[in-house]
Amino acid sequence: MTKHMLRPNHLFVYGTLRSESLHPLARRLQAQAKLVGKASVAGVLYDLGRYPGAAFPKDGRERVIGEMFALRNAERLLMQLDAYEGVGDRGALLFKRIEIKVRLDRGDVADAWTYALQEVPSRARPIPSGDWIAHLRSRNPRAARR
């Protein structure tokens, strides 16, 4: 088996791509992948204004709340999502796609892709709950529609 074949066919999302979001790419993800369930990852979630970012330190005690999707056409969909997240060869980028261990709410653990901050911007504010949708709703009940 090649290393390429060992790559995950799952994606962990924690922000504008979550199923509660009305962002067009969240809708595309729902149409082209299967929602496995609610999940979390050790890490810190940050408010960057119109969207969140997350850092996943190995010794993280906080949790980032999100969802895991099983990808049907992983390569094509990930290319589209990479473009949305600004991942690529264009110099100083905010996000990178990484593999992480995800814990589903039902207890299973699986490998998945996610988008992590290259480094935490100085303007970033930690979100204590680790939940972007709950954070938006606490500020403005209509804001989760972005």
Protein backbone atom coordinates (compact mmCIF):
# COMPACT_ATOMS: atom_id res chain seq x y z
CA MET A 1 0.00 0.00 0.00
CA THR A 2 1.37 3.44 -0.88
CA LYS A 3 1.37 6.32 1.54
CA HIS A 4 -1.14 8.14 -0.69
CA MET A 5 -3.69 5.36 -0.12
CA LEU A 6 -3.34 5.74 3.65
CA ARG A 7 -4.53 9.34 3.62
CA PRO A 8 -7.85 9.99 5.34
CA ASN A 9 -11.12 10.11 3.45
CA HIS A 10 -12.69 12.21 6.21
CA LEU A 11 -12.78 15.94 6.88
CA PHE A 12 -13.23 17.68 10.24
CA VAL A 13 -14.84 21.13 9.94
CA TYR A 14 -15.30 23.65 12.74
CA GLY A 15 -16.41 26.93 11.17
CA THR A 16 -18.11 28.19 8.02
CA LEU A 17 -18.19 24.66 6.53
CA ARG A 18 -20.29 23.18 9.36
CA SER A 19 -23.77 21.93 8.45
CA GLU A 20 -25.44 24.71 10.50
CA SER A 21 -23.77 27.32 8.30
CA LEU A 22 -25.56 28.67 5.25
CA HIS A 23 -22.28 29.36 3.45
CA PRO A 24 -22.46 28.07 -0.16
CA LEU A 25 -19.44 25.79 0.33
CA ALA A 26 -21.05 24.29 3.43
CA ARG A 27 -23.97 23.33 1.17
CA ARG A 28 -21.57 21.90 -1.44
CA LEU A 29 -19.81 19.85 1.25
CA GLN A 30 -23.16 18.45 2.40
CA ALA A 31 -24.07 17.54 -1.18
CA GLN A 32 -20.71 15.90 -1.98
CA ALA A 33 -19.91 14.23 1.36
CA LYS A 34 -21.73 12.34 4.09
CA LEU A 35 -22.06 13.86 7.56
CA VAL A 36 -20.67 11.25 9.96
CA GLY A 37 -21.52 13.21 13.08
CA LYS A 38 -20.56 15.78 15.67
CA ALA A 39 -16.93 15.58 16.72
CA SER A 40 -14.11 17.39 18.48
CA VAL A 41 -10.35 17.72 18.36
CA ALA A 42 -7.79 18.84 20.94
CA GLY A 43 -7.01 22.44 20.03
CA VAL A 44 -7.85 26.11 20.44
CA LEU A 45 -10.47 27.91 18.34
CA TYR A 46 -9.96 31.58 17.49
CA ASP A 47 -12.33 34.32 16.32
CA LEU A 48 -10.79 36.00 13.29
CA GLY A 49 -13.80 38.21 12.59
CA ARG A 50 -16.00 36.74 9.84
CA TYR A 51 -14.63 33.24 10.29
CA PRO A 52 -12.67 31.16 12.81
CA GLY A 53 -9.28 29.54 12.75
CA ALA A 54 -7.89 26.76 14.90
CA ALA A 55 -4.52 25.67 16.20
CA PHE A 56 -3.94 22.05 17.16
CA PRO A 57 -1.02 21.84 19.61
CA LYS A 58 -0.03 18.30 20.54
CA ASP A 59 -0.48 19.04 24.26
CA GLY A 60 -3.82 20.83 23.85
CA ARG A 61 -6.33 20.40 26.68
CA GLU A 62 -9.09 22.50 25.13
CA ARG A 63 -11.41 21.11 22.44
CA VAL A 64 -12.46 22.47 19.06
CA ILE A 65 -16.07 21.48 18.36
CA GLY A 66 -17.19 20.59 14.86
CA GLU A 67 -18.35 17.82 12.55
CA MET A 68 -16.76 15.03 10.59
CA PHE A 69 -17.68 14.27 6.99
CA ALA A 70 -16.87 11.16 4.93
CA LEU A 71 -15.63 12.37 1.54
CA ARG A 72 -16.97 10.69 -1.60
CA ASN A 73 -14.72 12.21 -4.25
CA ALA A 74 -12.02 13.31 -1.81
CA GLU A 75 -9.40 14.60 -4.24
CA ARG A 76 -11.75 16.84 -6.21
CA LEU A 77 -13.64 18.15 -3.17
CA LEU A 78 -10.44 18.84 -1.22
CA MET A 79 -9.08 20.84 -4.18
CA GLN A 80 -12.21 23.04 -4.05
CA LEU A 81 -12.00 23.42 -0.27
CA ASP A 82 -8.25 24.11 -0.40
CA ALA A 83 -8.96 26.99 -2.79
CA TYR A 84 -11.65 28.33 -0.42
CA GLU A 85 -9.33 28.06 2.59
CA GLY A 86 -6.44 29.64 0.68
CA VAL A 87 -4.19 26.57 0.81
CA GLY A 88 -1.57 26.27 -1.90
CA ASP A 89 1.72 27.55 -3.22
CA ARG A 90 0.96 31.27 -3.11
CA GLY A 91 3.38 32.40 -0.40
CA ALA A 92 2.28 33.47 3.11
CA LEU A 93 -1.06 31.78 3.63
CA LEU A 94 -3.27 31.75 6.70
CA PHE A 95 -4.28 28.05 6.64
CA LYS A 96 -2.74 24.67 5.90
CA ARG A 97 -4.49 21.31 5.55
CA ILE A 98 -3.29 18.75 8.09
CA GLU A 99 -4.17 15.24 9.27
CA ILE A 100 -5.49 14.96 12.82
CA LYS A 101 -7.16 12.48 15.17
CA VAL A 102 -10.85 13.29 15.61
CA ARG A 103 -13.08 12.05 18.41
CA LEU A 104 -16.70 11.57 17.41
CA ASP A 105 -19.34 12.32 20.03
CA ARG A 106 -20.28 8.62 20.02
CA GLY A 107 -16.72 7.76 21.13
CA ASP A 108 -15.01 6.57 17.93
CA VAL A 109 -11.64 8.05 16.95
CA ALA A 110 -10.66 8.48 13.30
CA ASP A 111 -8.07 10.24 11.15
CA ALA A 112 -9.32 13.23 9.18
CA TRP A 113 -8.15 16.27 7.30
CA THR A 114 -8.75 19.71 8.76
CA TYR A 115 -7.63 23.27 8.15
CA ALA A 116 -5.24 24.68 10.74
CA LEU A 117 -3.77 28.13 11.16
CA GLN A 118 -0.19 28.40 9.90
CA GLU A 119 0.33 30.65 12.92
CA VAL A 120 -2.12 32.47 15.19
CA PRO A 121 -2.60 36.09 14.03
CA SER A 122 -2.19 38.83 16.65
CA ARG A 123 -5.83 39.93 16.05
CA ALA A 124 -7.17 36.45 16.92
CA ARG A 125 -9.29 36.10 20.06
CA PRO A 126 -9.69 32.65 21.68
CA ILE A 127 -13.23 31.25 21.82
CA PRO A 128 -13.51 29.58 25.26
CA SER A 129 -16.34 27.22 24.24
CA GLY A 130 -14.39 25.98 21.19
CA ASP A 131 -17.68 26.12 19.23
CA TRP A 132 -17.91 28.66 16.37
CA ILE A 133 -21.66 28.28 15.79
CA ALA A 134 -22.49 28.70 19.51
CA HIS A 135 -20.11 31.68 19.61
CA LEU A 136 -21.90 33.34 16.67
CA ARG A 137 -25.32 32.68 18.17
CA SER A 138 -24.25 34.21 21.48
CA ARG A 139 -23.26 37.40 19.64
CA ASN A 140 -26.14 37.48 17.16
CA PRO A 141 -28.73 34.70 16.57
CA ARG A 142 -28.79 35.45 12.82
CA ALA A 143 -24.97 35.42 12.45
CA ALA A 144 -24.79 31.60 12.16
CA ARG A 145 -26.31 31.97 8.70
CA ARG A 146 -23.05 33.26 7.17
